């Protein structure tokens, strides 16, 4: 299964319970399709480089979360639809890091 990295920018005023709810929903979606979550990181609040308009609101601050996971490519459409529909998420992006973890390790050597 390919290795992916998801970068989520959420609203700045979210509490820990809301952040964990977002991550729990996303991880559950990955696990349902026999995927593996490898790493979750919260980089905390930061100032956005420019104003972002979403859901008729303008945001200047956000919180950054990253999620590394292995999943089949068909699961990505479900994850994207779920993240797009969540009003707590300002922006997100999913990047394919490699075909599998051993290929990434060989690229480093």
N, C-alpha and C. Protein backbone atom coordinates (compact mmCIF):
# COMPACT_ATOMS: atom_id res chain seq x y z
N UNK A 1 0.83 -1.18 0.00
CA UNK A 1 0.00 0.00 0.00
C UNK A 1 0.88 1.25 0.00
N UNK A 2 0.50 2.25 -0.74
CA UNK A 2 1.28 3.49 -0.78
C UNK A 2 1.23 4.25 0.54
N UNK A 3 2.29 4.99 0.79
CA UNK A 3 2.39 5.83 1.99
C UNK A 3 1.98 7.25 1.62
N UNK A 4 1.09 7.83 2.41
CA UNK A 4 0.58 9.18 2.16
C UNK A 4 0.82 10.07 3.37
N UNK A 5 0.85 11.37 3.10
CA UNK A 5 0.89 12.37 4.17
C UNK A 5 -0.28 13.32 3.95
N UNK A 6 -1.07 13.53 4.99
CA UNK A 6 -2.18 14.48 4.93
C UNK A 6 -1.84 15.67 5.82
N UNK A 7 -1.97 16.86 5.27
CA UNK A 7 -1.77 18.10 6.02
C UNK A 7 -3.13 18.75 6.18
N UNK A 8 -3.53 18.99 7.42
CA UNK A 8 -4.82 19.60 7.72
C UNK A 8 -4.60 20.94 8.39
N UNK A 9 -5.29 21.96 7.93
CA UNK A 9 -5.30 23.25 8.60
C UNK A 9 -6.71 23.44 9.13
N UNK A 10 -6.83 23.49 10.44
CA UNK A 10 -8.13 23.60 11.08
C UNK A 10 -8.31 25.00 11.65
N UNK A 11 -9.51 25.27 12.10
CA UNK A 11 -9.78 26.55 12.75
C UNK A 11 -8.89 26.69 13.98
N UNK A 12 -8.52 27.91 14.29
CA UNK A 12 -7.60 28.17 15.39
C UNK A 12 -8.26 27.98 16.75
N UNK A 13 -9.56 28.21 16.85
CA UNK A 13 -10.23 28.21 18.15
C UNK A 13 -10.79 26.85 18.55
N UNK A 14 -10.36 25.78 17.93
CA UNK A 14 -10.87 24.45 18.27
C UNK A 14 -10.22 23.93 19.55
N UNK A 15 -11.03 23.24 20.34
CA UNK A 15 -10.51 22.61 21.55
C UNK A 15 -9.91 21.25 21.20
N UNK A 16 -9.24 20.67 22.18
CA UNK A 16 -8.58 19.37 21.98
C UNK A 16 -9.60 18.31 21.60
N UNK A 17 -10.79 18.35 22.19
CA UNK A 17 -11.82 17.36 21.88
C UNK A 17 -12.23 17.42 20.41
N UNK A 18 -12.34 18.63 19.86
CA UNK A 18 -12.71 18.77 18.45
C UNK A 18 -11.58 18.29 17.54
N UNK A 19 -10.34 18.60 17.90
CA UNK A 19 -9.20 18.12 17.10
C UNK A 19 -9.12 16.60 17.11
N UNK A 20 -9.31 16.02 18.29
CA UNK A 20 -9.25 14.56 18.37
C UNK A 20 -10.42 13.92 17.62
N UNK A 21 -11.56 14.60 17.58
CA UNK A 21 -12.70 14.09 16.82
C UNK A 21 -12.40 14.06 15.33
N UNK A 22 -11.76 15.11 14.82
CA UNK A 22 -11.38 15.15 13.41
C UNK A 22 -10.42 14.01 13.09
N UNK A 23 -9.40 13.85 13.93
CA UNK A 23 -8.41 12.79 13.70
C UNK A 23 -9.03 11.40 13.84
N UNK A 24 -9.93 11.24 14.80
CA UNK A 24 -10.57 9.94 15.01
C UNK A 24 -11.42 9.56 13.79
N UNK A 25 -12.16 10.51 13.24
CA UNK A 25 -12.98 10.23 12.06
C UNK A 25 -12.10 9.85 10.87
N UNK A 26 -11.01 10.58 10.68
CA UNK A 26 -10.12 10.30 9.55
C UNK A 26 -9.42 8.95 9.72
N UNK A 27 -8.92 8.69 10.92
CA UNK A 27 -8.23 7.41 11.17
C UNK A 27 -9.20 6.23 11.05
N UNK A 28 -10.42 6.40 11.51
CA UNK A 28 -11.41 5.33 11.40
C UNK A 28 -11.69 5.01 9.94
N UNK A 29 -11.77 6.05 9.11
CA UNK A 29 -11.98 5.85 7.68
C UNK A 29 -10.82 5.05 7.07
N UNK A 30 -9.60 5.33 7.49
CA UNK A 30 -8.42 4.61 7.00
C UNK A 30 -8.45 3.17 7.48
N UNK A 31 -8.75 2.96 8.76
CA UNK A 31 -8.76 1.60 9.33
C UNK A 31 -9.85 0.73 8.71
N UNK A 32 -10.99 1.32 8.35
CA UNK A 32 -12.07 0.53 7.74
C UNK A 32 -11.62 -0.09 6.43
N UNK A 33 -10.69 0.53 5.74
CA UNK A 33 -10.19 0.03 4.46
C UNK A 33 -8.85 -0.72 4.62
N UNK A 34 -8.57 -1.23 5.82
CA UNK A 34 -7.36 -1.99 6.14
C UNK A 34 -6.09 -1.16 5.97
N UNK A 35 -6.17 0.14 6.21
CA UNK A 35 -5.00 1.00 6.17
C UNK A 35 -4.32 1.06 7.53
N UNK A 36 -3.15 1.69 7.57
CA UNK A 36 -2.37 1.81 8.80
C UNK A 36 -2.00 3.27 9.00
N UNK A 37 -2.26 3.79 10.19
CA UNK A 37 -1.86 5.15 10.53
C UNK A 37 -0.49 5.06 11.19
N UNK A 38 0.51 5.72 10.63
CA UNK A 38 1.87 5.62 11.13
C UNK A 38 2.26 6.75 12.08
N UNK A 39 1.77 7.95 11.83
CA UNK A 39 2.19 9.08 12.66
C UNK A 39 1.12 10.16 12.62
N UNK A 40 0.88 10.76 13.78
CA UNK A 40 -0.02 11.91 13.89
C UNK A 40 0.74 12.99 14.64
N UNK A 41 0.73 14.21 14.10
CA UNK A 41 1.45 15.32 14.75
C UNK A 41 0.58 16.56 14.73
N UNK A 42 0.59 17.27 15.86
CA UNK A 42 -0.11 18.54 15.99
C UNK A 42 0.95 19.62 16.15
N UNK A 43 1.04 20.53 15.19
CA UNK A 43 2.04 21.59 15.23
C UNK A 43 1.51 22.86 15.86
N UNK A 44 0.27 22.84 16.32
CA UNK A 44 -0.29 23.95 17.06
C UNK A 44 -0.72 25.12 16.20
N UNK A 45 -1.10 26.21 16.87
CA UNK A 45 -1.61 27.38 16.15
C UNK A 45 -0.50 28.14 15.43
N UNK A 46 -0.87 28.77 14.31
CA UNK A 46 0.07 29.59 13.55
C UNK A 46 -0.72 30.62 12.75
N UNK A 47 -0.02 31.63 12.28
CA UNK A 47 -0.63 32.66 11.44
C UNK A 47 -0.57 32.21 9.99
N UNK A 48 -1.68 32.25 9.31
CA UNK A 48 -1.73 31.84 7.90
C UNK A 48 -0.97 32.85 7.04
N UNK A 49 -0.32 32.42 5.98
CA UNK A 49 0.44 33.36 5.13
C UNK A 49 -0.45 34.37 4.41
N UNK A 50 -1.71 34.02 4.21
CA UNK A 50 -2.67 34.94 3.61
C UNK A 50 -4.06 34.57 4.12
N UNK A 51 -5.01 35.46 3.96
CA UNK A 51 -6.37 35.20 4.41
C UNK A 51 -6.98 34.09 3.57
N UNK A 52 -7.73 33.22 4.25
CA UNK A 52 -8.41 32.12 3.57
C UNK A 52 -9.90 32.25 3.85
N UNK A 53 -10.69 32.21 2.79
CA UNK A 53 -12.13 32.29 2.94
C UNK A 53 -12.73 30.90 2.79
N UNK A 54 -13.52 30.49 3.78
CA UNK A 54 -14.16 29.18 3.76
C UNK A 54 -15.46 29.30 4.52
N UNK A 55 -16.53 28.78 3.97
CA UNK A 55 -17.86 28.80 4.60
C UNK A 55 -18.28 30.21 4.98
N UNK A 56 -18.07 31.15 4.11
CA UNK A 56 -18.45 32.55 4.29
C UNK A 56 -17.77 33.19 5.50
N UNK A 57 -16.60 32.69 5.85
CA UNK A 57 -15.81 33.26 6.94
C UNK A 57 -14.39 33.48 6.42
N UNK A 58 -13.69 34.45 7.01
CA UNK A 58 -12.31 34.73 6.63
C UNK A 58 -11.41 34.35 7.80
N UNK A 59 -10.39 33.54 7.52
CA UNK A 59 -9.49 33.05 8.56
C UNK A 59 -8.09 33.64 8.35
N UNK A 60 -7.48 34.07 9.46
CA UNK A 60 -6.10 34.56 9.43
C UNK A 60 -5.18 33.69 10.28
N UNK A 61 -5.76 32.82 11.12
CA UNK A 61 -5.00 31.91 11.98
C UNK A 61 -5.58 30.51 11.85
N UNK A 62 -4.74 29.52 12.10
CA UNK A 62 -5.19 28.13 12.03
C UNK A 62 -4.28 27.24 12.86
N UNK A 63 -4.64 25.96 12.90
CA UNK A 63 -3.81 24.95 13.56
C UNK A 63 -3.42 23.92 12.50
N UNK A 64 -2.18 23.47 12.58
CA UNK A 64 -1.65 22.54 11.59
C UNK A 64 -1.53 21.14 12.18
N UNK A 65 -2.10 20.16 11.48
CA UNK A 65 -2.01 18.75 11.86
C UNK A 65 -1.46 17.97 10.66
N UNK A 66 -0.63 16.98 10.93
CA UNK A 66 -0.19 16.09 9.86
C UNK A 66 -0.50 14.65 10.25
N UNK A 67 -0.71 13.85 9.23
CA UNK A 67 -1.09 12.46 9.43
C UNK A 67 -0.38 11.64 8.36
N UNK A 68 0.46 10.68 8.77
CA UNK A 68 1.13 9.77 7.84
C UNK A 68 0.39 8.44 7.90
N UNK A 69 0.03 7.91 6.75
CA UNK A 69 -0.74 6.66 6.75
C UNK A 69 -0.49 5.88 5.47
N UNK A 70 -0.67 4.55 5.58
CA UNK A 70 -0.66 3.65 4.43
C UNK A 70 -2.11 3.31 4.11
N UNK A 71 -2.46 3.40 2.86
CA UNK A 71 -3.83 3.12 2.47
C UNK A 71 -3.88 2.81 0.98
N UNK A 72 -4.95 2.15 0.57
CA UNK A 72 -5.09 1.93 -0.86
C UNK A 72 -5.61 3.21 -1.52
N UNK A 73 -5.32 3.41 -2.79
CA UNK A 73 -5.69 4.66 -3.46
C UNK A 73 -7.20 4.92 -3.50
N UNK A 74 -8.01 3.87 -3.43
CA UNK A 74 -9.46 4.04 -3.50
C UNK A 74 -10.02 4.69 -2.23
N UNK A 75 -9.31 4.56 -1.13
CA UNK A 75 -9.74 5.16 0.13
C UNK A 75 -9.58 6.68 0.10
N UNK A 76 -8.67 7.18 -0.70
CA UNK A 76 -8.40 8.62 -0.73
C UNK A 76 -9.63 9.44 -1.10
N UNK A 77 -10.45 8.95 -2.01
CA UNK A 77 -11.65 9.69 -2.39
C UNK A 77 -12.59 9.84 -1.20
N UNK A 78 -12.74 8.79 -0.41
CA UNK A 78 -13.60 8.87 0.78
C UNK A 78 -13.03 9.85 1.79
N UNK A 79 -11.72 9.81 1.99
CA UNK A 79 -11.08 10.71 2.96
C UNK A 79 -11.22 12.15 2.49
N UNK A 80 -10.98 12.40 1.21
CA UNK A 80 -11.10 13.76 0.68
C UNK A 80 -12.53 14.29 0.83
N UNK A 81 -13.52 13.47 0.54
CA UNK A 81 -14.91 13.90 0.67
C UNK A 81 -15.26 14.22 2.12
N UNK A 82 -14.76 13.40 3.04
CA UNK A 82 -15.02 13.62 4.46
C UNK A 82 -14.37 14.92 4.93
N UNK A 83 -13.12 15.15 4.55
CA UNK A 83 -12.42 16.36 4.98
C UNK A 83 -13.02 17.61 4.33
N UNK A 84 -13.45 17.50 3.08
CA UNK A 84 -14.04 18.64 2.38
C UNK A 84 -15.36 19.06 3.03
N UNK A 85 -16.12 18.09 3.54
CA UNK A 85 -17.43 18.38 4.12
C UNK A 85 -17.35 18.90 5.55
N UNK A 86 -16.21 18.72 6.22
CA UNK A 86 -16.08 19.13 7.62
C UNK A 86 -15.86 20.64 7.71
N UNK A 87 -16.76 21.39 8.37
CA UNK A 87 -16.61 22.85 8.45
C UNK A 87 -15.48 23.30 9.37
N UNK A 88 -14.93 22.40 10.18
CA UNK A 88 -13.84 22.76 11.08
C UNK A 88 -12.50 22.81 10.37
N UNK A 89 -12.42 22.24 9.18
CA UNK A 89 -11.17 22.20 8.42
C UNK A 89 -11.17 23.32 7.39
N UNK A 90 -10.13 24.16 7.46
CA UNK A 90 -10.01 25.28 6.53
C UNK A 90 -9.45 24.80 5.20
N UNK A 91 -8.34 24.08 5.23
CA UNK A 91 -7.69 23.54 4.04
C UNK A 91 -7.09 22.18 4.38
N UNK A 92 -6.90 21.37 3.35
CA UNK A 92 -6.21 20.10 3.53
C UNK A 92 -5.53 19.72 2.23
N UNK A 93 -4.55 18.86 2.35
CA UNK A 93 -3.86 18.33 1.18
C UNK A 93 -3.34 16.95 1.50
N UNK A 94 -3.38 16.06 0.52
CA UNK A 94 -2.87 14.70 0.70
C UNK A 94 -1.83 14.46 -0.39
N UNK A 95 -0.64 14.02 0.04
CA UNK A 95 0.49 13.82 -0.87
C UNK A 95 0.96 12.37 -0.75
N UNK A 96 1.23 11.76 -1.88
CA UNK A 96 1.79 10.40 -1.89
C UNK A 96 3.29 10.51 -1.69
N UNK A 97 3.79 9.88 -0.62
CA UNK A 97 5.22 9.93 -0.32
C UNK A 97 6.00 8.83 -1.02
N UNK A 98 5.36 7.69 -1.23
CA UNK A 98 6.04 6.58 -1.89
C UNK A 98 5.12 5.40 -2.05
N UNK A 99 5.61 4.39 -2.78
CA UNK A 99 4.79 3.20 -2.99
C UNK A 99 4.65 2.36 -1.73
N UNK A 100 5.72 2.28 -0.96
CA UNK A 100 5.66 1.59 0.33
C UNK A 100 6.84 2.06 1.18
N UNK A 101 6.85 1.71 2.43
CA UNK A 101 7.87 2.19 3.35
C UNK A 101 9.28 1.71 2.98
N UNK A 102 9.49 0.44 2.61
CA UNK A 102 10.86 0.03 2.24
C UNK A 102 11.43 0.81 1.06
N UNK A 103 10.60 1.21 0.11
CA UNK A 103 11.12 1.99 -1.02
C UNK A 103 11.59 3.37 -0.57
N UNK A 104 10.94 3.94 0.43
CA UNK A 104 11.37 5.23 0.96
C UNK A 104 12.71 5.12 1.68
N UNK A 105 12.90 4.03 2.40
CA UNK A 105 14.15 3.82 3.13
C UNK A 105 15.30 3.64 2.13
N UNK A 106 15.07 2.93 1.04
CA UNK A 106 16.11 2.74 0.03
C UNK A 106 16.46 4.05 -0.65
N UNK A 107 15.49 4.94 -0.84
CA UNK A 107 15.76 6.23 -1.46
C UNK A 107 16.67 7.09 -0.59
N UNK A 108 16.57 6.94 0.72
CA UNK A 108 17.39 7.74 1.65
C UNK A 108 18.84 7.27 1.60
N UNK A 109 19.06 5.96 1.46
CA UNK A 109 20.42 5.42 1.46
C UNK A 109 21.10 5.81 0.23
